[in-house]
Amino acid sequence: MALLTTDAAAFAEALPQGGRLLGLDIGTRTIGLATASADWRFATARETLKRTKAGEDMAALKAWCVRESIVGLVAGLPLSMDGSDTPRTQSVRAQARNLVATLALPLLLWDERWSTVAVERAMIAADVSRARRADQVDRLAAAHILEGALMRLAAVGPTA
């Protein structure tokens, strides 16, 4: 079974030198997707998947990973403000275990407490309409989560 961790150094060790990463903002109705460049220097918001059945969601994510040559996953972990788990946190942890078992890729759970708020504030400051914000917030949150993890990965060691 592939690695499931909150430790960026252990995650980096489980990965090949470089390679594309997939960032996930796992929600109850959608999953925001973002990809990192193979050198882990930047993240790009890509798409928002509408959630359907668990098996269909996994199949869509597997197809994404194959098509994009993904070597590792970074999923946002929605901790409470004091850092403790909530029912939503437990749900994301369970989904992360399923992703690791299904995709056989290392997965880093990354603290996402402020990701959606930061993205929403940036879009409001840029005068993005409410409808457009709703359409983009999940994939932009995934990119925000992935960017945070990339900064930490850069600090724990070189990649390529």
N, C-alpha and C. Protein backbone atom coordinates (compact mmCIF):
# COMPACT_ATOMS: atom_id res chain seq x y z
N MET A 1 0.84 -1.18 0.00
CA MET A 1 0.00 0.00 0.00
C MET A 1 0.89 1.25 0.00
N ALA A 2 0.47 2.26 -0.72
CA ALA A 2 1.22 3.51 -0.79
C ALA A 2 1.09 4.28 0.52
N LEU A 3 1.94 5.24 0.70
CA LEU A 3 2.01 6.04 1.92
C LEU A 3 0.86 7.04 2.03
N LEU A 4 0.29 7.15 3.22
CA LEU A 4 -0.68 8.19 3.57
C LEU A 4 -0.12 8.89 4.80
N THR A 5 0.17 10.20 4.68
CA THR A 5 0.88 10.89 5.75
C THR A 5 0.51 12.36 5.83
N THR A 6 0.86 12.96 6.97
CA THR A 6 0.80 14.42 7.12
C THR A 6 2.21 15.00 7.17
N ASP A 7 3.22 14.16 6.99
CA ASP A 7 4.63 14.53 7.08
C ASP A 7 5.19 14.77 5.67
N ALA A 8 5.48 16.04 5.35
CA ALA A 8 5.96 16.39 4.01
C ALA A 8 7.28 15.70 3.67
N ALA A 9 8.18 15.54 4.65
CA ALA A 9 9.46 14.89 4.38
C ALA A 9 9.26 13.42 4.01
N ALA A 10 8.40 12.72 4.73
CA ALA A 10 8.12 11.32 4.42
C ALA A 10 7.45 11.20 3.05
N PHE A 11 6.56 12.14 2.75
CA PHE A 11 5.89 12.15 1.45
C PHE A 11 6.93 12.33 0.34
N ALA A 12 7.84 13.30 0.50
CA ALA A 12 8.87 13.55 -0.51
C ALA A 12 9.74 12.32 -0.72
N GLU A 13 10.07 11.61 0.35
CA GLU A 13 10.89 10.40 0.24
C GLU A 13 10.17 9.29 -0.51
N ALA A 14 8.85 9.26 -0.43
CA ALA A 14 8.06 8.21 -1.09
C ALA A 14 7.87 8.47 -2.57
N LEU A 15 8.25 9.66 -3.03
CA LEU A 15 8.04 10.04 -4.43
C LEU A 15 9.32 9.85 -5.23
N PRO A 16 9.17 9.66 -6.55
CA PRO A 16 10.36 9.70 -7.41
C PRO A 16 10.92 11.12 -7.40
N GLN A 17 12.11 11.30 -7.88
CA GLN A 17 12.69 12.64 -7.97
C GLN A 17 11.89 13.46 -8.97
N GLY A 18 11.06 14.35 -8.48
CA GLY A 18 10.20 15.15 -9.33
C GLY A 18 8.97 14.36 -9.75
N GLY A 19 8.25 14.89 -10.71
CA GLY A 19 7.02 14.25 -11.17
C GLY A 19 5.82 15.10 -10.79
N ARG A 20 4.77 14.98 -11.54
CA ARG A 20 3.59 15.82 -11.33
C ARG A 20 2.77 15.37 -10.13
N LEU A 21 2.29 16.34 -9.39
CA LEU A 21 1.43 16.09 -8.23
C LEU A 21 0.03 16.59 -8.53
N LEU A 22 -0.96 15.95 -7.90
CA LEU A 22 -2.35 16.37 -8.04
C LEU A 22 -2.83 16.87 -6.69
N GLY A 23 -3.28 18.11 -6.65
CA GLY A 23 -3.86 18.69 -5.45
C GLY A 23 -5.36 18.49 -5.46
N LEU A 24 -5.92 18.16 -4.28
CA LEU A 24 -7.35 17.88 -4.17
C LEU A 24 -7.97 18.71 -3.06
N ASP A 25 -9.07 19.36 -3.36
CA ASP A 25 -9.91 19.99 -2.35
C ASP A 25 -11.19 19.16 -2.34
N ILE A 26 -11.26 18.22 -1.40
CA ILE A 26 -12.35 17.24 -1.37
C ILE A 26 -13.53 17.83 -0.60
N GLY A 27 -14.61 18.08 -1.31
CA GLY A 27 -15.83 18.59 -0.70
C GLY A 27 -16.92 17.54 -0.73
N THR A 28 -18.05 17.87 -0.18
CA THR A 28 -19.16 16.92 -0.17
C THR A 28 -19.86 16.83 -1.52
N ARG A 29 -19.83 17.92 -2.30
CA ARG A 29 -20.49 17.94 -3.61
C ARG A 29 -19.51 18.00 -4.78
N THR A 30 -18.29 18.47 -4.52
CA THR A 30 -17.31 18.63 -5.60
C THR A 30 -15.92 18.26 -5.09
N ILE A 31 -15.02 18.06 -6.06
CA ILE A 31 -13.60 17.88 -5.76
C ILE A 31 -12.84 18.84 -6.66
N GLY A 32 -12.15 19.81 -6.04
CA GLY A 32 -11.33 20.73 -6.81
C GLY A 32 -10.01 20.07 -7.13
N LEU A 33 -9.52 20.27 -8.37
CA LEU A 33 -8.27 19.66 -8.81
C LEU A 33 -7.28 20.73 -9.26
N ALA A 34 -6.03 20.51 -8.89
CA ALA A 34 -4.93 21.36 -9.33
C ALA A 34 -3.73 20.46 -9.57
N THR A 35 -2.87 20.84 -10.49
CA THR A 35 -1.66 20.06 -10.73
C THR A 35 -0.42 20.91 -10.47
N ALA A 36 0.63 20.22 -10.07
CA ALA A 36 1.92 20.87 -9.88
C ALA A 36 2.82 20.50 -11.05
N SER A 37 3.68 21.41 -11.41
CA SER A 37 4.65 21.11 -12.45
C SER A 37 5.57 19.99 -11.96
N ALA A 38 6.22 19.31 -12.88
CA ALA A 38 7.07 18.17 -12.54
C ALA A 38 8.23 18.57 -11.63
N ASP A 39 8.63 19.85 -11.67
CA ASP A 39 9.73 20.31 -10.80
C ASP A 39 9.23 20.87 -9.48
N TRP A 40 7.92 20.80 -9.25
CA TRP A 40 7.26 21.22 -8.02
C TRP A 40 7.44 22.72 -7.74
N ARG A 41 7.51 23.52 -8.77
CA ARG A 41 7.71 24.96 -8.58
C ARG A 41 6.40 25.75 -8.55
N PHE A 42 5.36 25.26 -9.21
CA PHE A 42 4.10 26.01 -9.20
C PHE A 42 2.91 25.06 -9.37
N ALA A 43 1.78 25.52 -8.89
CA ALA A 43 0.53 24.76 -9.01
C ALA A 43 -0.42 25.52 -9.94
N THR A 44 -1.22 24.77 -10.66
CA THR A 44 -2.19 25.34 -11.58
C THR A 44 -3.57 24.77 -11.27
N ALA A 45 -4.53 25.65 -11.04
CA ALA A 45 -5.92 25.21 -10.85
C ALA A 45 -6.39 24.61 -12.16
N ARG A 46 -7.03 23.45 -12.09
CA ARG A 46 -7.39 22.76 -13.32
C ARG A 46 -8.89 22.60 -13.53
N GLU A 47 -9.57 21.91 -12.61
CA GLU A 47 -10.95 21.52 -12.88
C GLU A 47 -11.68 21.26 -11.56
N THR A 48 -12.99 21.31 -11.63
CA THR A 48 -13.81 20.92 -10.49
C THR A 48 -14.67 19.74 -10.93
N LEU A 49 -14.51 18.61 -10.24
CA LEU A 49 -15.32 17.43 -10.53
C LEU A 49 -16.57 17.46 -9.67
N LYS A 50 -17.70 17.21 -10.27
CA LYS A 50 -18.94 17.05 -9.52
C LYS A 50 -18.93 15.66 -8.91
N ARG A 51 -19.20 15.57 -7.61
CA ARG A 51 -19.24 14.27 -6.93
C ARG A 51 -20.47 13.51 -7.39
N THR A 52 -20.31 12.20 -7.58
CA THR A 52 -21.43 11.33 -7.92
C THR A 52 -21.39 10.16 -6.93
N LYS A 53 -21.18 8.97 -7.43
CA LYS A 53 -21.02 7.80 -6.57
C LYS A 53 -19.53 7.60 -6.29
N ALA A 54 -19.23 7.00 -5.15
CA ALA A 54 -17.82 6.84 -4.75
C ALA A 54 -17.00 6.13 -5.83
N GLY A 55 -17.53 5.08 -6.40
CA GLY A 55 -16.80 4.35 -7.44
C GLY A 55 -16.55 5.18 -8.68
N GLU A 56 -17.54 5.99 -9.05
CA GLU A 56 -17.38 6.86 -10.22
C GLU A 56 -16.37 7.97 -9.94
N ASP A 57 -16.39 8.51 -8.72
CA ASP A 57 -15.41 9.53 -8.34
C ASP A 57 -14.00 8.96 -8.42
N MET A 58 -13.80 7.75 -7.89
CA MET A 58 -12.48 7.11 -7.92
C MET A 58 -12.04 6.85 -9.35
N ALA A 59 -12.96 6.39 -10.19
CA ALA A 59 -12.62 6.13 -11.59
C ALA A 59 -12.20 7.42 -12.30
N ALA A 60 -12.90 8.51 -12.04
CA ALA A 60 -12.55 9.80 -12.65
C ALA A 60 -11.18 10.26 -12.18
N LEU A 61 -10.90 10.12 -10.88
CA LEU A 61 -9.59 10.53 -10.35
C LEU A 61 -8.48 9.62 -10.88
N LYS A 62 -8.75 8.35 -11.01
CA LYS A 62 -7.75 7.42 -11.56
C LYS A 62 -7.42 7.81 -13.00
N ALA A 63 -8.46 8.09 -13.79
CA ALA A 63 -8.24 8.51 -15.18
C ALA A 63 -7.42 9.79 -15.23
N TRP A 64 -7.70 10.72 -14.33
CA TRP A 64 -6.93 11.97 -14.25
C TRP A 64 -5.46 11.67 -13.98
N CYS A 65 -5.21 10.80 -13.01
CA CYS A 65 -3.83 10.48 -12.63
C CYS A 65 -3.06 9.83 -13.77
N VAL A 66 -3.72 8.93 -14.47
CA VAL A 66 -3.06 8.27 -15.60
C VAL A 66 -2.80 9.27 -16.72
N ARG A 67 -3.83 10.03 -17.09
CA ARG A 67 -3.71 10.99 -18.19
C ARG A 67 -2.64 12.04 -17.92
N GLU A 68 -2.53 12.49 -16.67
CA GLU A 68 -1.61 13.58 -16.33
C GLU A 68 -0.27 13.08 -15.77
N SER A 69 -0.05 11.77 -15.74
CA SER A 69 1.19 11.17 -15.22
C SER A 69 1.48 11.64 -13.79
N ILE A 70 0.50 11.51 -12.93
CA ILE A 70 0.59 11.94 -11.54
C ILE A 70 1.39 10.92 -10.74
N VAL A 71 2.32 11.41 -9.89
CA VAL A 71 3.13 10.52 -9.05
C VAL A 71 2.76 10.60 -7.57
N GLY A 72 1.99 11.61 -7.19
CA GLY A 72 1.59 11.77 -5.79
C GLY A 72 0.41 12.71 -5.66
N LEU A 73 -0.29 12.60 -4.53
CA LEU A 73 -1.49 13.38 -4.27
C LEU A 73 -1.31 14.24 -3.03
N VAL A 74 -1.88 15.43 -3.05
CA VAL A 74 -1.92 16.31 -1.88
C VAL A 74 -3.38 16.68 -1.68
N ALA A 75 -3.95 16.24 -0.56
CA ALA A 75 -5.36 16.51 -0.28
C ALA A 75 -5.49 17.44 0.91
N GLY A 76 -6.36 18.42 0.79
CA GLY A 76 -6.62 19.33 1.89
C GLY A 76 -7.30 18.62 3.04
N LEU A 77 -6.82 18.89 4.25
CA LEU A 77 -7.40 18.29 5.46
C LEU A 77 -8.10 19.40 6.24
N PRO A 78 -9.43 19.35 6.30
CA PRO A 78 -10.20 20.43 6.93
C PRO A 78 -10.25 20.31 8.46
N LEU A 79 -9.18 20.72 9.10
CA LEU A 79 -9.12 20.71 10.57
C LEU A 79 -9.94 21.87 11.13
N SER A 80 -10.37 21.75 12.39
CA SER A 80 -11.04 22.87 13.04
C SER A 80 -9.99 23.93 13.35
N MET A 81 -10.42 25.11 13.73
CA MET A 81 -9.48 26.21 13.99
C MET A 81 -8.48 25.88 15.10
N ASP A 82 -8.84 25.02 16.04
CA ASP A 82 -7.90 24.66 17.10
C ASP A 82 -7.03 23.47 16.70
N GLY A 83 -7.16 22.99 15.47
CA GLY A 83 -6.33 21.90 14.96
C GLY A 83 -6.89 20.52 15.21
N SER A 84 -8.05 20.44 15.81
CA SER A 84 -8.63 19.13 16.09
C SER A 84 -9.47 18.65 14.90
N ASP A 85 -9.76 17.36 14.93
CA ASP A 85 -10.59 16.76 13.89
C ASP A 85 -12.06 17.09 14.10
N THR A 86 -12.78 17.11 12.99
CA THR A 86 -14.23 17.29 12.98
C THR A 86 -14.81 16.10 12.21
N PRO A 87 -16.12 15.97 12.17
CA PRO A 87 -16.69 14.90 11.33
C PRO A 87 -16.25 15.03 9.86
N ARG A 88 -16.13 16.24 9.37
CA ARG A 88 -15.67 16.47 7.98
C ARG A 88 -14.23 16.00 7.81
N THR A 89 -13.38 16.26 8.83
CA THR A 89 -11.99 15.82 8.78
C THR A 89 -11.93 14.30 8.68
N GLN A 90 -12.73 13.63 9.49
CA GLN A 90 -12.76 12.17 9.47
C GLN A 90 -13.22 11.64 8.11
N SER A 91 -14.17 12.31 7.50
CA SER A 91 -14.64 11.92 6.17
C SER A 91 -13.52 12.04 5.14
N VAL A 92 -12.77 13.14 5.18
CA VAL A 92 -11.66 13.33 4.24
C VAL A 92 -10.58 12.29 4.50
N ARG A 93 -10.28 11.99 5.75
CA ARG A 93 -9.29 10.95 6.05
C ARG A 93 -9.72 9.59 5.46
N ALA A 94 -11.00 9.26 5.59
CA ALA A 94 -11.51 8.00 5.03
C ALA A 94 -11.39 8.00 3.51
N GLN A 95 -11.73 9.11 2.89
CA GLN A 95 -11.61 9.21 1.44
C GLN A 95 -10.15 9.13 1.00
N ALA A 96 -9.25 9.70 1.80
CA ALA A 96 -7.82 9.63 1.49
C ALA A 96 -7.34 8.18 1.54
N ARG A 97 -7.79 7.43 2.54
CA ARG A 97 -7.42 6.00 2.62
C ARG A 97 -7.91 5.26 1.38
N ASN A 98 -9.12 5.56 0.93
CA ASN A 98 -9.65 4.93 -0.28
C ASN A 98 -8.85 5.32 -1.52
N LEU A 99 -8.45 6.58 -1.60
CA LEU A 99 -7.64 7.03 -2.73
C LEU A 99 -6.31 6.29 -2.79
N VAL A 100 -5.65 6.18 -1.64
CA VAL A 100 -4.35 5.49 -1.57
C VAL A 100 -4.52 4.03 -1.98
N ALA A 101 -5.56 3.38 -1.47
CA ALA A 101 -5.79 1.97 -1.80
C ALA A 101 -6.13 1.78 -3.27
N THR A 102 -6.90 2.69 -3.84
CA THR A 102 -7.34 2.57 -5.23
C THR A 102 -6.26 2.99 -6.23
N LEU A 103 -5.61 4.11 -5.94
CA LEU A 103 -4.66 4.67 -6.90
C LEU A 103 -3.22 4.22 -6.68
N ALA A 104 -2.93 3.68 -5.52
CA ALA A 104 -1.58 3.22 -5.18
C ALA A 104 -0.53 4.33 -5.37
N LEU A 105 -0.91 5.54 -4.94
CA LEU A 105 0.00 6.69 -4.99
C LEU A 105 0.16 7.24 -3.58
N PRO A 106 1.34 7.77 -3.25
CA PRO A 106 1.51 8.43 -1.95
C PRO A 106 0.59 9.63 -1.85
N LEU A 107 0.06 9.86 -0.65
CA LEU A 107 -0.86 10.98 -0.44
C LEU A 107 -0.46 11.75 0.81
N LEU A 108 -0.32 13.05 0.65
CA LEU A 108 -0.02 13.97 1.75
C LEU A 108 -1.29 14.70 2.13
N LEU A 109 -1.69 14.58 3.40
CA LEU A 109 -2.81 15.36 3.91
C LEU A 109 -2.26 16.70 4.38
N TRP A 110 -2.81 17.80 3.84
CA TRP A 110 -2.27 19.13 4.09
C TRP A 110 -3.33 20.01 4.76
N ASP A 111 -2.95 20.67 5.82
CA ASP A 111 -3.85 21.55 6.57
C ASP A 111 -4.43 22.62 5.63
N GLU A 112 -5.75 22.63 5.52
CA GLU A 112 -6.40 23.56 4.60
C GLU A 112 -7.29 24.58 5.31
N ARG A 113 -7.05 24.81 6.58
CA ARG A 113 -7.97 25.65 7.36
C ARG A 113 -8.31 26.98 6.71
N TRP A 114 -7.39 27.63 6.06
CA TRP A 114 -7.65 28.97 5.51
C TRP A 114 -7.71 29.00 3.99
N SER A 115 -7.65 27.85 3.33
CA SER A 115 -7.55 27.85 1.86
C SER A 115 -8.75 28.49 1.18
N THR A 116 -9.95 28.06 1.51
CA THR A 116 -11.14 28.60 0.84
C THR A 116 -11.32 30.08 1.19
N VAL A 117 -11.08 30.45 2.43
CA VAL A 117 -11.21 31.85 2.84
C VAL A 117 -10.22 32.71 2.06
N ALA A 118 -8.97 32.26 1.95
CA ALA A 118 -7.96 33.02 1.22
C ALA A 118 -8.33 33.19 -0.24
N VAL A 119 -8.81 32.13 -0.85
CA VAL A 119 -9.20 32.18 -2.26
C VAL A 119 -10.41 33.09 -2.44
N GLU A 120 -11.41 32.96 -1.59
CA GLU A 120 -12.60 33.82 -1.67
C GLU A 120 -12.21 35.30 -1.54
N ARG A 121 -11.37 35.61 -0.56
CA ARG A 121 -10.95 37.01 -0.37
C ARG A 121 -10.21 37.55 -1.57
N ALA A 122 -9.34 36.74 -2.15
CA ALA A 122 -8.60 37.18 -3.33
C ALA A 122 -9.54 37.42 -4.51
N MET A 123 -10.52 36.56 -4.68
CA MET A 123 -11.47 36.75 -5.79
C MET A 123 -12.36 37.97 -5.56
N ILE A 124 -12.77 38.19 -4.32
CA ILE A 124 -13.57 39.39 -4.02
C ILE A 124 -12.75 40.65 -4.28
N ALA A 125 -11.48 40.63 -3.86
CA ALA A 125 -10.60 41.78 -4.09
C ALA A 125 -10.40 42.03 -5.59
N ALA A 126 -10.45 40.96 -6.38
CA ALA A 126 -10.31 41.10 -7.83
C ALA A 126 -11.65 41.38 -8.51
N ASP A 127 -12.70 41.59 -7.71
CA ASP A 127 -14.03 41.92 -8.19
C ASP A 127 -14.61 40.83 -9.09
N VAL A 128 -14.36 39.57 -8.72
CA VAL A 128 -14.93 38.44 -9.44
C VAL A 128 -16.39 38.27 -8.99
N SER A 129 -17.28 38.08 -9.93
CA SER A 129 -18.70 37.96 -9.61
C SER A 129 -18.95 36.75 -8.71
N ARG A 130 -20.04 36.80 -7.97
CA ARG A 130 -20.40 35.70 -7.06
C ARG A 130 -20.56 34.39 -7.85
N ALA A 131 -21.20 34.42 -9.00
CA ALA A 131 -21.40 33.21 -9.81
C ALA A 131 -20.07 32.63 -10.27
N ARG A 132 -19.18 33.50 -10.71
CA ARG A 132 -17.88 33.02 -11.17
C ARG A 132 -17.05 32.49 -10.01
N ARG A 133 -17.16 33.14 -8.82
CA ARG A 133 -16.45 32.65 -7.63
C ARG A 133 -16.92 31.24 -7.30
N ALA A 134 -18.22 31.01 -7.32
CA ALA A 134 -18.77 29.68 -6.99
C ALA A 134 -18.26 28.63 -7.96
N ASP A 135 -18.09 29.02 -9.22
CA ASP A 135 -17.62 28.10 -10.24
C ASP A 135 -16.14 27.75 -10.07
N GLN A 136 -15.34 28.66 -9.52
CA GLN A 136 -13.90 28.49 -9.49
C GLN A 136 -13.30 28.18 -8.12
N VAL A 137 -14.03 28.39 -7.04
CA VAL A 137 -13.44 28.35 -5.71
C VAL A 137 -12.81 26.99 -5.39
N ASP A 138 -13.40 25.88 -5.77
CA ASP A 138 -12.86 24.57 -5.40
C ASP A 138 -11.52 24.28 -6.08
N ARG A 139 -11.43 24.56 -7.38
CA ARG A 139 -10.15 24.29 -8.05
C ARG A 139 -9.07 25.28 -7.61
N LEU A 140 -9.47 26.53 -7.32
CA LEU A 140 -8.49 27.49 -6.81
C LEU A 140 -8.05 27.14 -5.40
N ALA A 141 -8.97 26.61 -4.58
CA ALA A 141 -8.59 26.15 -3.24
C ALA A 141 -7.63 24.96 -3.35
N ALA A 142 -7.86 24.07 -4.31
CA ALA A 142 -6.94 22.94 -4.53
C ALA A 142 -5.55 23.46 -4.89
N ALA A 143 -5.48 24.49 -5.73
CA ALA A 143 -4.18 25.08 -6.09
C ALA A 143 -3.52 25.73 -4.88
N HIS A 144 -4.32 26.40 -4.05
CA HIS A 144 -3.80 27.03 -2.83
C HIS A 144 -3.22 25.97 -1.88
N ILE A 145 -3.95 24.88 -1.70
CA ILE A 145 -3.49 23.77 -0.86
C ILE A 145 -2.19 23.20 -1.42
N LEU A 146 -2.16 22.97 -2.72
CA LEU A 146 -0.98 22.40 -3.37
C LEU A 146 0.21 23.34 -3.28
N GLU A 147 -0.02 24.64 -3.46
CA GLU A 147 1.08 25.62 -3.34
C GLU A 147 1.71 25.58 -1.94
N GLY A 148 0.87 25.50 -0.90
CA GLY A 148 1.40 25.41 0.46
C GLY A 148 2.26 24.18 0.64
N ALA A 149 1.80 23.05 0.12
CA ALA A 149 2.57 21.81 0.22
C ALA A 149 3.86 21.91 -0.58
N LEU A 150 3.82 22.54 -1.76
CA LEU A 150 5.03 22.69 -2.57
C LEU A 150 6.08 23.52 -1.85
N MET A 151 5.64 24.57 -1.15
CA MET A 151 6.61 25.38 -0.39
C MET A 151 7.27 24.53 0.69
N ARG A 152 6.51 23.69 1.36
CA ARG A 152 7.06 22.82 2.40
C ARG A 152 7.98 21.76 1.77
N LEU A 153 7.57 21.20 0.66
CA LEU A 153 8.41 20.20 -0.03
C LEU A 153 9.75 20.81 -0.46
N ALA A 154 9.72 22.06 -0.90
CA ALA A 154 10.97 22.73 -1.28
C ALA A 154 11.89 22.89 -0.07
N ALA A 155 11.30 23.06 1.10
CA ALA A 155 12.09 23.25 2.32
C ALA A 155 12.69 21.94 2.85
N VAL A 156 12.07 20.79 2.54
CA VAL A 156 12.57 19.53 3.08
C VAL A 156 13.60 18.87 2.18
N GLY A 157 13.83 19.39 1.00
CA GLY A 157 14.88 18.82 0.17
C GLY A 157 14.66 19.03 -1.30
N PRO A 158 15.74 18.90 -2.07
CA PRO A 158 15.65 19.08 -3.52
C PRO A 158 14.90 17.93 -4.17
N THR A 159 14.33 18.20 -5.33
CA THR A 159 13.61 17.17 -6.06
C THR A 159 14.37 16.72 -7.29
N ALA A 160 14.53 17.56 -8.25
CA ALA A 160 15.12 17.12 -9.49
C ALA A 160 16.50 17.70 -9.73
